């Protein structure tokens, strides 16, 4: 039933932001920001649960934790970049939002390079030569 609370908070925030937008646009943006952060904080426990479960599964499968940690960092970068870009778009700054998205993509690529190189090395070693 957590989704009902999240949707309820989002809808209330939306209605208040629409009302405030006509009077004070800066307050409407701040309200949007506070609602977004509140929803994110509301989900912190769920995120921590997923992280613990993935770590447990990796340990059980004898997977190097470096790979799991790297993938979790990549997912974190993607979510944070998306959140920042959406907030920036809400503020009417689409150009800055695009730069945030680009930065997220580049950071993801940088984080993925060690895994990609290991995959390429493995494929090369499998090819008879």
C-alpha atoms as a PDB file:
ATOM      1  CA  UNK A   1       0.000   0.000   0.000  1.00  0.00           C
ATOM      2  CA  UNK A   2       3.039   2.230  -0.077  1.00  0.00           C
ATOM      3  CA  UNK A   3       2.265   3.109  -3.668  1.00  0.00           C
ATOM      4  CA  UNK A   4      -1.029   4.666  -2.563  1.00  0.00           C
ATOM      5  CA  UNK A   5       0.862   6.910  -0.152  1.00  0.00           C
ATOM      6  CA  UNK A   6       3.376   7.869  -2.820  1.00  0.00           C
ATOM      7  CA  UNK A   7       0.709   8.580  -5.422  1.00  0.00           C
ATOM      8  CA  UNK A   8      -1.348  10.484  -2.860  1.00  0.00           C
ATOM      9  CA  UNK A   9       1.628  12.624  -1.910  1.00  0.00           C
ATOM     10  CA  UNK A  10       2.387  13.201  -5.588  1.00  0.00           C
ATOM     11  CA  UNK A  11      -1.172  14.215  -6.408  1.00  0.00           C
ATOM     12  CA  UNK A  12      -1.439  16.554  -3.435  1.00  0.00           C
ATOM     13  CA  UNK A  13       1.903  18.097  -4.384  1.00  0.00           C
ATOM     14  CA  UNK A  14       0.757  18.478  -7.982  1.00  0.00           C
ATOM     15  CA  UNK A  15      -2.465  20.247  -7.036  1.00  0.00           C
ATOM     16  CA  UNK A  16      -0.647  22.556  -4.626  1.00  0.00           C
ATOM     17  CA  UNK A  17       2.052  23.295  -7.207  1.00  0.00           C
ATOM     18  CA  UNK A  18      -0.592  24.174  -9.796  1.00  0.00           C
ATOM     19  CA  UNK A  19      -2.229  26.572  -7.365  1.00  0.00           C
ATOM     20  CA  UNK A  20       1.088  28.101  -6.295  1.00  0.00           C
ATOM     21  CA  UNK A  21       2.343  28.364  -9.867  1.00  0.00           C
ATOM     22  CA  UNK A  22      -0.177  31.104 -10.585  1.00  0.00           C
ATOM     23  CA  UNK A  23       0.857  33.101  -7.523  1.00  0.00           C
ATOM     24  CA  UNK A  24       4.533  32.338  -6.837  1.00  0.00           C
ATOM     25  CA  UNK A  25       6.357  30.212  -9.368  1.00  0.00           C
ATOM     26  CA  UNK A  26       9.474  29.906  -7.187  1.00  0.00           C
ATOM     27  CA  UNK A  27       7.403  28.431  -4.341  1.00  0.00           C
ATOM     28  CA  UNK A  28       5.779  26.004  -6.758  1.00  0.00           C
ATOM     29  CA  UNK A  29       9.213  24.801  -7.870  1.00  0.00           C
ATOM     30  CA  UNK A  30      10.399  24.436  -4.270  1.00  0.00           C
ATOM     31  CA  UNK A  31       7.274  22.451  -3.455  1.00  0.00           C
ATOM     32  CA  UNK A  32       7.949  20.181  -6.443  1.00  0.00           C
ATOM     33  CA  UNK A  33      11.518  19.696  -5.263  1.00  0.00           C
ATOM     34  CA  UNK A  34      10.441  18.885  -1.695  1.00  0.00           C
ATOM     35  CA  UNK A  35       7.819  16.401  -2.900  1.00  0.00           C
ATOM     36  CA  UNK A  36      10.344  14.690  -5.174  1.00  0.00           C
ATOM     37  CA  UNK A  37      12.921  14.382  -2.408  1.00  0.00           C
ATOM     38  CA  UNK A  38      10.246  13.173   0.023  1.00  0.00           C
ATOM     39  CA  UNK A  39       9.222  10.398  -2.349  1.00  0.00           C
ATOM     40  CA  UNK A  40      12.872   9.420  -2.814  1.00  0.00           C
ATOM     41  CA  UNK A  41      13.467   9.345   0.959  1.00  0.00           C
ATOM     42  CA  UNK A  42      10.295   7.316   1.406  1.00  0.00           C
ATOM     43  CA  UNK A  43      11.840   4.654  -0.847  1.00  0.00           C
ATOM     44  CA  UNK A  44      15.267   4.510   0.833  1.00  0.00           C
ATOM     45  CA  UNK A  45      14.316   1.430   2.897  1.00  0.00           C
ATOM     46  CA  UNK A  46      13.169  -0.396  -0.231  1.00  0.00           C
ATOM     47  CA  UNK A  47      16.367   0.508  -2.062  1.00  0.00           C
ATOM     48  CA  UNK A  48      18.466  -0.749   0.857  1.00  0.00           C
ATOM     49  CA  UNK A  49      16.489  -4.021   0.843  1.00  0.00           C
ATOM     50  CA  UNK A  50      17.203  -4.551  -2.853  1.00  0.00           C
ATOM     51  CA  UNK A  51      20.898  -3.816  -2.338  1.00  0.00           C
ATOM     52  CA  UNK A  52      21.153  -6.308   0.536  1.00  0.00           C
ATOM     53  CA  UNK A  53      19.342  -8.984  -1.453  1.00  0.00           C
ATOM     54  CA  UNK A  54      21.568  -8.513  -4.511  1.00  0.00           C
ATOM     55  CA  UNK A  55      24.675  -8.670  -2.356  1.00  0.00           C
ATOM     56  CA  UNK A  56      23.410 -11.864  -0.706  1.00  0.00           C
ATOM     57  CA  UNK A  57      22.640 -13.441  -4.092  1.00  0.00           C
ATOM     58  CA  UNK A  58      26.086 -12.508  -5.396  1.00  0.00           C
ATOM     59  CA  UNK A  59      27.738 -14.074  -2.364  1.00  0.00           C
ATOM     60  CA  UNK A  60      25.672 -17.254  -2.742  1.00  0.00           C
ATOM     61  CA  UNK A  61      26.553 -17.485  -6.447  1.00  0.00           C
ATOM     62  CA  UNK A  62      30.247 -16.777  -5.692  1.00  0.00           C
ATOM     63  CA  UNK A  63      30.232 -13.742  -7.972  1.00  0.00           C
ATOM     64  CA  UNK A  64      32.957 -11.189  -7.426  1.00  0.00           C
ATOM     65  CA  UNK A  65      31.347  -8.389  -5.410  1.00  0.00           C
ATOM     66  CA  UNK A  66      33.248  -5.815  -7.482  1.00  0.00           C
ATOM     67  CA  UNK A  67      30.952  -6.575 -10.417  1.00  0.00           C
ATOM     68  CA  UNK A  68      27.786  -6.287  -8.343  1.00  0.00           C
ATOM     69  CA  UNK A  69      28.975  -3.068  -6.703  1.00  0.00           C
ATOM     70  CA  UNK A  70      29.859  -1.591 -10.089  1.00  0.00           C
ATOM     71  CA  UNK A  71      26.466  -2.478 -11.532  1.00  0.00           C
ATOM     72  CA  UNK A  72      24.705  -1.022  -8.489  1.00  0.00           C
ATOM     73  CA  UNK A  73      26.726   2.193  -8.853  1.00  0.00           C
ATOM     74  CA  UNK A  74      25.758   2.364 -12.525  1.00  0.00           C
ATOM     75  CA  UNK A  75      22.083   1.950 -11.638  1.00  0.00           C
ATOM     76  CA  UNK A  76      22.461   4.617  -8.936  1.00  0.00           C
ATOM     77  CA  UNK A  77      24.031   7.041 -11.400  1.00  0.00           C
ATOM     78  CA  UNK A  78      21.178   6.433 -13.835  1.00  0.00           C
ATOM     79  CA  UNK A  79      18.491   7.079 -11.217  1.00  0.00           C
ATOM     80  CA  UNK A  80      20.188  10.149  -9.766  1.00  0.00           C
ATOM     81  CA  UNK A  81      20.843  11.653 -13.204  1.00  0.00           C
ATOM     82  CA  UNK A  82      17.222  11.030 -14.207  1.00  0.00           C
ATOM     83  CA  UNK A  83      15.942  12.577 -10.962  1.00  0.00           C
ATOM     84  CA  UNK A  84      18.168  15.641 -11.394  1.00  0.00           C
ATOM     85  CA  UNK A  85      17.223  16.034 -15.043  1.00  0.00           C
ATOM     86  CA  UNK A  86      13.504  15.812 -14.268  1.00  0.00           C
ATOM     87  CA  UNK A  87      13.757  18.417 -11.506  1.00  0.00           C
ATOM     88  CA  UNK A  88      15.723  20.664 -13.844  1.00  0.00           C
ATOM     89  CA  UNK A  89      13.111  20.204 -16.596  1.00  0.00           C
ATOM     90  CA  UNK A  90      10.398  21.082 -14.073  1.00  0.00           C
ATOM     91  CA  UNK A  91      12.261  24.337 -13.468  1.00  0.00           C
ATOM     92  CA  UNK A  92      12.116  25.036 -17.202  1.00  0.00           C
ATOM     93  CA  UNK A  93      15.813  24.430 -17.833  1.00  0.00           C
ATOM     94  CA  UNK A  94      15.733  21.772 -20.551  1.00  0.00           C
ATOM     95  CA  UNK A  95      19.260  22.566 -21.762  1.00  0.00           C
ATOM     96  CA  UNK A  96      20.756  21.980 -18.325  1.00  0.00           C
ATOM     97  CA  UNK A  97      18.664  18.817 -17.967  1.00  0.00           C
ATOM     98  CA  UNK A  98      20.156  17.513 -21.214  1.00  0.00           C
ATOM     99  CA  UNK A  99      23.666  18.163 -19.857  1.00  0.00           C
ATOM    100  CA  UNK A 100      22.839  16.272 -16.658  1.00  0.00           C
ATOM    101  CA  UNK A 101      21.630  13.323 -18.734  1.00  0.00           C
ATOM    102  CA  UNK A 102      24.795  13.452 -20.861  1.00  0.00           C
ATOM    103  CA  UNK A 103      26.983  13.524 -17.754  1.00  0.00           C
ATOM    104  CA  UNK A 104      25.109  10.524 -16.351  1.00  0.00           C
ATOM    105  CA  UNK A 105      25.659   8.578 -19.569  1.00  0.00           C
ATOM    106  CA  UNK A 106      29.365   9.381 -19.648  1.00  0.00           C
ATOM    107  CA  UNK A 107      29.804   8.407 -15.990  1.00  0.00           C
ATOM    108  CA  UNK A 108      27.960   5.142 -16.647  1.00  0.00           C
ATOM    109  CA  UNK A 109      30.294   4.413 -19.555  1.00  0.00           C
ATOM    110  CA  UNK A 110      33.347   5.132 -17.399  1.00  0.00           C
ATOM    111  CA  UNK A 111      32.030   2.861 -14.633  1.00  0.00           C
ATOM    112  CA  UNK A 112      31.290   0.076 -17.130  1.00  0.00           C
ATOM    113  CA  UNK A 113      34.744   0.084 -18.773  1.00  0.00           C
ATOM    114  CA  UNK A 114      36.347  -2.444 -16.377  1.00  0.00           C
ATOM    115  CA  UNK A 115      33.478  -4.899 -16.879  1.00  0.00           C
ATOM    116  CA  UNK A 116      33.529  -4.395 -20.643  1.00  0.00           C
ATOM    117  CA  UNK A 117      37.268  -5.016 -20.796  1.00  0.00           C
ATOM    118  CA  UNK A 118      36.930  -8.260 -18.815  1.00  0.00           C
ATOM    119  CA  UNK A 119      34.146  -9.436 -21.139  1.00  0.00           C
ATOM    120  CA  UNK A 120      36.257  -8.630 -24.212  1.00  0.00           C
ATOM    121  CA  UNK A 121      39.277 -10.433 -22.731  1.00  0.00           C
ATOM    122  CA  UNK A 122      37.129 -13.480 -21.979  1.00  0.00           C
ATOM    123  CA  UNK A 123      35.741 -13.579 -25.528  1.00  0.00           C
ATOM    124  CA  UNK A 124      39.233 -13.209 -26.992  1.00  0.00           C
ATOM    125  CA  UNK A 125      40.488 -16.097 -24.822  1.00  0.00           C
ATOM    126  CA  UNK A 126      37.597 -18.283 -26.040  1.00  0.00           C
ATOM    127  CA  UNK A 127      38.482 -17.764 -29.700  1.00  0.00           C
ATOM    128  CA  UNK A 128      40.889 -20.477 -30.863  1.00  0.00           C
ATOM    129  CA  UNK A 129      44.039 -18.968 -32.164  1.00  0.00           C
END
